[in-house]
C-alpha atoms as a PDB file:
ATOM      1  CA  MET A   1      22.545  14.640 -16.109  1.00  0.00           C
ATOM      2  CA  LEU A   2      19.037  13.577 -14.820  1.00  0.00           C
ATOM      3  CA  PRO A   3      18.039  14.019 -11.164  1.00  0.00           C
ATOM      4  CA  HIS A   4      18.529  10.550  -9.312  1.00  0.00           C
ATOM      5  CA  VAL A   5      15.373   9.650  -6.905  1.00  0.00           C
ATOM      6  CA  LEU A   6      16.706   6.863  -4.707  1.00  0.00           C
ATOM      7  CA  VAL A   7      13.430   5.173  -2.922  1.00  0.00           C
ATOM      8  CA  ARG A   8      14.092   2.488  -0.002  1.00  0.00           C
ATOM      9  CA  VAL A   9      11.358   0.613   0.934  1.00  0.00           C
ATOM     10  CA  ASN A  10      11.440  -0.516   4.816  1.00  0.00           C
ATOM     11  CA  ASP A  11      10.334  -3.195   6.650  1.00  0.00           C
ATOM     12  CA  ASP A  12       6.936  -1.569   7.801  1.00  0.00           C
ATOM     13  CA  GLY A  13       6.212  -0.581   4.372  1.00  0.00           C
ATOM     14  CA  THR A  14       7.347   2.919   4.512  1.00  0.00           C
ATOM     15  CA  LEU A  15       9.511   4.965   1.905  1.00  0.00           C
ATOM     16  CA  THR A  16      12.706   6.534   2.530  1.00  0.00           C
ATOM     17  CA  VAL A  17      13.411   8.835  -0.254  1.00  0.00           C
ATOM     18  CA  ARG A  18      16.286  10.842  -1.549  1.00  0.00           C
ATOM     19  CA  VAL A  19      16.564  13.364  -4.280  1.00  0.00           C
ATOM     20  CA  ASP A  20      20.171  13.857  -5.667  1.00  0.00           C
ATOM     21  CA  GLY A  21      21.505  12.729  -2.115  1.00  0.00           C
ATOM     22  CA  GLU A  22      19.216  14.922  -0.234  1.00  0.00           C
ATOM     23  CA  PRO A  23      16.266  13.522   2.223  1.00  0.00           C
ATOM     24  CA  PHE A  24      12.885  13.992   0.316  1.00  0.00           C
ATOM     25  CA  GLU A  25      10.010  14.363   3.046  1.00  0.00           C
ATOM     26  CA  PRO A  26       6.215  14.265   2.801  1.00  0.00           C
ATOM     27  CA  ASP A  27       5.089  17.435   3.767  1.00  0.00           C
ATOM     28  CA  GLU A  28       5.077  18.793   7.422  1.00  0.00           C
ATOM     29  CA  PHE A  29       2.206  16.608   9.420  1.00  0.00           C
ATOM     30  CA  ALA A  30       1.630  14.336   6.508  1.00  0.00           C
ATOM     31  CA  PRO A  31       1.954  10.580   7.083  1.00  0.00           C
ATOM     32  CA  PRO A  32       5.091   9.113   5.358  1.00  0.00           C
ATOM     33  CA  TRP A  33       5.909   8.182   2.219  1.00  0.00           C
ATOM     34  CA  ARG A  34       4.194   4.321   1.306  1.00  0.00           C
ATOM     35  CA  ARG A  35       3.791   2.224  -1.342  1.00  0.00           C
ATOM     36  CA  SER A  36       0.371   3.450  -1.617  1.00  0.00           C
ATOM     37  CA  THR A  37       1.684   7.060  -2.469  1.00  0.00           C
ATOM     38  CA  PHE A  38       4.071   6.265  -4.799  1.00  0.00           C
ATOM     39  CA  GLY A  39       2.443   8.092  -7.539  1.00  0.00           C
ATOM     40  CA  ALA A  40       1.878  11.202  -5.429  1.00  0.00           C
ATOM     41  CA  LEU A  41       5.620  10.885  -4.493  1.00  0.00           C
ATOM     42  CA  ILE A  42       6.683  11.036  -7.948  1.00  0.00           C
ATOM     43  CA  ASP A  43       3.964  13.932  -8.825  1.00  0.00           C
ATOM     44  CA  ALA A  44       5.652  15.573  -5.732  1.00  0.00           C
ATOM     45  CA  VAL A  45       9.623  15.273  -6.981  1.00  0.00           C
ATOM     46  CA  THR A  46       9.016  16.181 -10.909  1.00  0.00           C
ATOM     47  CA  GLN A  47       6.254  19.035  -9.658  1.00  0.00           C
ATOM     48  CA  ASP A  48       8.721  21.605 -10.702  1.00  0.00           C
ATOM     49  CA  ARG A  49      10.728  19.656 -13.289  1.00  0.00           C
ATOM     50  CA  ARG A  50      11.217  20.153 -16.463  1.00  0.00           C
ATOM     51  CA  VAL A  51      13.058  17.036 -17.019  1.00  0.00           C
ATOM     52  CA  PRO A  52      12.640  13.472 -16.527  1.00  0.00           C
ATOM     53  CA  VAL A  53      14.362  11.884 -13.463  1.00  0.00           C
ATOM     54  CA  ARG A  54      16.072   8.522 -12.991  1.00  0.00           C
ATOM     55  CA  VAL A  55      14.072   6.431 -10.403  1.00  0.00           C
ATOM     56  CA  GLU A  56      15.646   3.845  -7.957  1.00  0.00           C
ATOM     57  CA  VAL A  57      13.796   1.553  -5.941  1.00  0.00           C
ATOM     58  CA  ARG A  58      15.433  -0.533  -3.629  1.00  0.00           C
ATOM     59  CA  GLU A  59      13.336  -3.143  -2.117  1.00  0.00           C
ATOM     60  CA  VAL A  60      13.402  -4.715   1.443  1.00  0.00           C
ATOM     61  CA  ASP A  61      14.821  -8.248  -0.062  1.00  0.00           C
ATOM     62  CA  GLY A  62      17.507  -6.523  -1.634  1.00  0.00           C
ATOM     63  CA  THR A  63      15.839  -6.483  -5.200  1.00  0.00           C
ATOM     64  CA  ALA A  64      16.332  -3.260  -6.987  1.00  0.00           C
ATOM     65  CA  PHE A  65      14.858  -1.445 -10.351  1.00  0.00           C
ATOM     66  CA  THR A  66      15.829   1.882 -12.054  1.00  0.00           C
ATOM     67  CA  ASP A  67      13.458   3.713 -14.616  1.00  0.00           C
ATOM     68  CA  ILE A  68      13.164   7.049 -16.379  1.00  0.00           C
ATOM     69  CA  ILE A  69      10.074   8.456 -15.789  1.00  0.00           C
ATOM     70  CA  THR A  70       8.965  11.732 -17.489  1.00  0.00           C
ATOM     71  CA  PRO A  71       6.686  14.601 -15.665  1.00  0.00           C
ATOM     72  CA  ALA A  72       3.412  14.960 -17.707  1.00  0.00           C
ATOM     73  CA  LYS A  73       2.878  17.815 -19.727  1.00  0.00           C
ATOM     74  CA  ARG A  74       0.764  20.498 -17.485  1.00  0.00           C
ATOM     75  CA  ARG A  75      -2.622  21.683 -19.317  1.00  0.00           C
ATOM     76  CA  ARG A  76      -4.667  24.231 -18.118  1.00  0.00           C
ATOM     77  CA  PRO A  77      -8.153  23.378 -17.688  1.00  0.00           C
ATOM     78  CA  GLN A  78     -10.341  25.108 -20.179  1.00  0.00           C
ATOM     79  CA  PRO A  79     -13.413  26.459 -17.856  1.00  0.00           C
ATOM     80  CA  GLU A  80     -16.785  24.577 -18.558  1.00  0.00           C
ATOM     81  CA  PRO A  81     -19.458  27.212 -19.851  1.00  0.00           C
ATOM     82  CA  GLU A  82     -21.224  28.305 -16.600  1.00  0.00           C
ATOM     83  CA  GLU A  83     -24.561  27.082 -17.798  1.00  0.00           C
ATOM     84  CA  LYS A  84     -23.151  23.286 -18.005  1.00  0.00           C
ATOM     85  CA  ARG A  85     -21.634  23.631 -14.387  1.00  0.00           C
ATOM     86  CA  HIS A  86     -25.548  24.682 -13.377  1.00  0.00           C
ATOM     87  CA  GLU A  87     -26.602  21.377 -15.191  1.00  0.00           C
ATOM     88  CA  ALA A  88     -24.086  18.913 -14.035  1.00  0.00           C
ATOM     89  CA  THR A  89     -24.661  20.015 -10.367  1.00  0.00           C
ATOM     90  CA  ALA A  90     -28.295  20.338 -10.413  1.00  0.00           C
ATOM     91  CA  GLY A  91     -28.815  16.489 -12.190  1.00  0.00           C
ATOM     92  CA  ALA A  92     -26.200  14.946  -9.810  1.00  0.00           C
ATOM     93  CA  SER A  93     -27.104  11.055  -8.651  1.00  0.00           C
ATOM     94  CA  LEU A  94     -24.447   8.812  -7.985  1.00  0.00           C
ATOM     95  CA  VAL A  95     -24.238   4.882  -8.556  1.00  0.00           C
ATOM     96  CA  GLU A  96     -21.889   2.186  -6.742  1.00  0.00           C
ATOM     97  CA  VAL A  97     -19.258   0.146  -8.067  1.00  0.00           C
ATOM     98  CA  THR A  98     -17.867  -2.197  -5.380  1.00  0.00           C
ATOM     99  CA  GLY A  99     -15.030  -5.047  -5.194  1.00  0.00           C
ATOM    100  CA  GLU A 100     -12.817  -7.256  -3.417  1.00  0.00           C
ATOM    101  CA  GLY A 101      -9.450  -8.504  -2.962  1.00  0.00           C
ATOM    102  CA  PHE A 102      -7.316  -5.114  -3.004  1.00  0.00           C
ATOM    103  CA  VAL A 103      -4.235  -4.506  -1.004  1.00  0.00           C
ATOM    104  CA  PRO A 104      -4.957  -2.119   1.743  1.00  0.00           C
ATOM    105  CA  GLY A 105      -4.958   1.720   1.164  1.00  0.00           C
ATOM    106  CA  GLU A 106      -3.517   0.981  -2.615  1.00  0.00           C
ATOM    107  CA  ASP A 107      -4.973   3.367  -5.052  1.00  0.00           C
ATOM    108  CA  VAL A 108      -7.851   1.689  -7.093  1.00  0.00           C
ATOM    109  CA  ALA A 109      -8.426   3.035 -10.954  1.00  0.00           C
ATOM    110  CA  VAL A 110     -11.959   3.168 -11.811  1.00  0.00           C
ATOM    111  CA  ALA A 111     -12.565   2.591 -15.494  1.00  0.00           C
ATOM    112  CA  VAL A 112     -14.002   3.715 -17.810  1.00  0.00           C
ATOM    113  CA  ILE A 113     -11.128   6.047 -16.311  1.00  0.00           C
ATOM    114  CA  VAL A 114     -13.620   8.676 -14.435  1.00  0.00           C
ATOM    115  CA  ALA A 115     -12.362   8.418 -11.265  1.00  0.00           C
ATOM    116  CA  HIS A 116      -9.670   6.628  -8.961  1.00  0.00           C
ATOM    117  CA  THR A 117     -10.318   5.747  -5.001  1.00  0.00           C
ATOM    118  CA  GLY A 118      -8.508   4.038  -2.473  1.00  0.00           C
ATOM    119  CA  ALA A 119      -8.801   0.787  -0.621  1.00  0.00           C
ATOM    120  CA  THR A 120     -10.334   0.432   2.669  1.00  0.00           C
ATOM    121  CA  PRO A 121      -7.936  -0.568   5.406  1.00  0.00           C
ATOM    122  CA  THR A 122      -9.690  -4.278   5.204  1.00  0.00           C
ATOM    123  CA  GLY A 123      -8.869  -4.376   1.431  1.00  0.00           C
ATOM    124  CA  ASP A 124     -12.229  -3.360  -0.345  1.00  0.00           C
ATOM    125  CA  ALA A 125     -12.722  -0.857  -2.667  1.00  0.00           C
ATOM    126  CA  ARG A 126     -15.707   1.431  -3.229  1.00  0.00           C
ATOM    127  CA  ALA A 127     -16.413   4.023  -6.105  1.00  0.00           C
ATOM    128  CA  LEU A 128     -19.328   6.303  -6.369  1.00  0.00           C
ATOM    129  CA  LEU A 129     -20.061   7.657  -9.898  1.00  0.00           C
ATOM    130  CA  ASP A 130     -22.156  10.479 -10.925  1.00  0.00           C
ATOM    131  CA  THR A 131     -24.904   9.151 -13.186  1.00  0.00           C
ATOM    132  CA  ALA A 132     -24.880  12.204 -15.528  1.00  0.00           C
ATOM    133  CA  HIS A 133     -21.220  11.355 -16.350  1.00  0.00           C
ATOM    134  CA  LEU A 134     -22.281   7.962 -16.665  1.00  0.00           C
ATOM    135  CA  ALA A 135     -24.602   8.822 -19.516  1.00  0.00           C
ATOM    136  CA  GLU A 136     -21.842  10.847 -21.136  1.00  0.00           C
ATOM    137  CA  VAL A 137     -19.567   7.330 -21.790  1.00  0.00           C
ATOM    138  CA  GLY A 138     -22.382   5.286 -22.627  1.00  0.00           C
ATOM    139  CA  LEU A 139     -22.975   3.746 -19.114  1.00  0.00           C
ATOM    140  CA  THR A 140     -26.213   3.650 -17.314  1.00  0.00           C
ATOM    141  CA  SER A 141     -27.410   2.662 -14.106  1.00  0.00           C
ATOM    142  CA  THR A 142     -29.732  -0.078 -15.720  1.00  0.00           C
ATOM    143  CA  GLY A 143     -27.106  -2.562 -16.267  1.00  0.00           C
ATOM    144  CA  ALA A 144     -26.162  -1.242 -19.784  1.00  0.00           C
ATOM    145  CA  GLY A 145     -22.254  -0.859 -19.783  1.00  0.00           C
ATOM    146  CA  GLU A 146     -19.556  -1.979 -17.190  1.00  0.00           C
ATOM    147  CA  VAL A 147     -17.054  -0.666 -15.092  1.00  0.00           C
ATOM    148  CA  ILE A 148     -13.609  -1.791 -14.076  1.00  0.00           C
ATOM    149  CA  LEU A 149     -11.955  -1.493 -10.863  1.00  0.00           C
ATOM    150  CA  LEU A 150      -8.283  -2.145 -11.000  1.00  0.00           C
ATOM    151  CA  GLY A 151      -5.688  -2.351  -8.046  1.00  0.00           C
ATOM    152  CA  ARG A 152      -2.489  -0.188  -9.080  1.00  0.00           C
ATOM    153  CA  VAL A 153      -0.334  -2.435  -6.564  1.00  0.00           C
ATOM    154  CA  SER A 154      -2.172  -5.533  -6.816  1.00  0.00           C
ATOM    155  CA  GLY A 155      -3.319  -5.816 -10.369  1.00  0.00           C
ATOM    156  CA  THR A 156      -6.607  -6.882  -8.813  1.00  0.00           C
ATOM    157  CA  GLN A 157      -9.377  -6.705 -11.577  1.00  0.00           C
ATOM    158  CA  VAL A 158     -13.201  -6.460 -10.860  1.00  0.00           C
ATOM    159  CA  ILE A 159     -15.540  -5.976 -13.575  1.00  0.00           C
ATOM    160  CA  ALA A 160     -19.060  -4.668 -12.328  1.00  0.00           C
ATOM    161  CA  ARG A 161     -21.934  -3.082 -13.269  1.00  0.00           C
ATOM    162  CA  PRO A 162     -22.997  -0.136 -12.098  1.00  0.00           C
ATOM    163  CA  ARG A 163     -26.104  -0.616  -9.118  1.00  0.00           C
END
């Protein structure tokens, strides 16, 4: 039988979570679970599990959906060679990509997926990207290539060129 995660969305946007009938709270002194932390919540639930979990989300309006979530395979990162680490930090410079229209606090994907950022309380998003990394994926700050900001909750998509 699959572990059962029941998530209830409250009027204030917080989430009440139970795993197999037992309360599942965020870490001590951490803010309550919210829609914007749903990914972190699922990561926390599946961290020690080697099997899929059944997730049921019940919205304030009474609608509900259920899904089976399989935890990602954990891979041990290969350590970078010492000379490459020094090379990357020595020549680091950043470019900025901005966008508007995101849900306040939502997770915003930065694509060519090189990073994630969070939306501000006003619904704006900002990402700082290492130009050395951009060159590795074929982007430059002189206008070659584009970056996409994608709101994980709102679905807002902003296509921009690094500045």
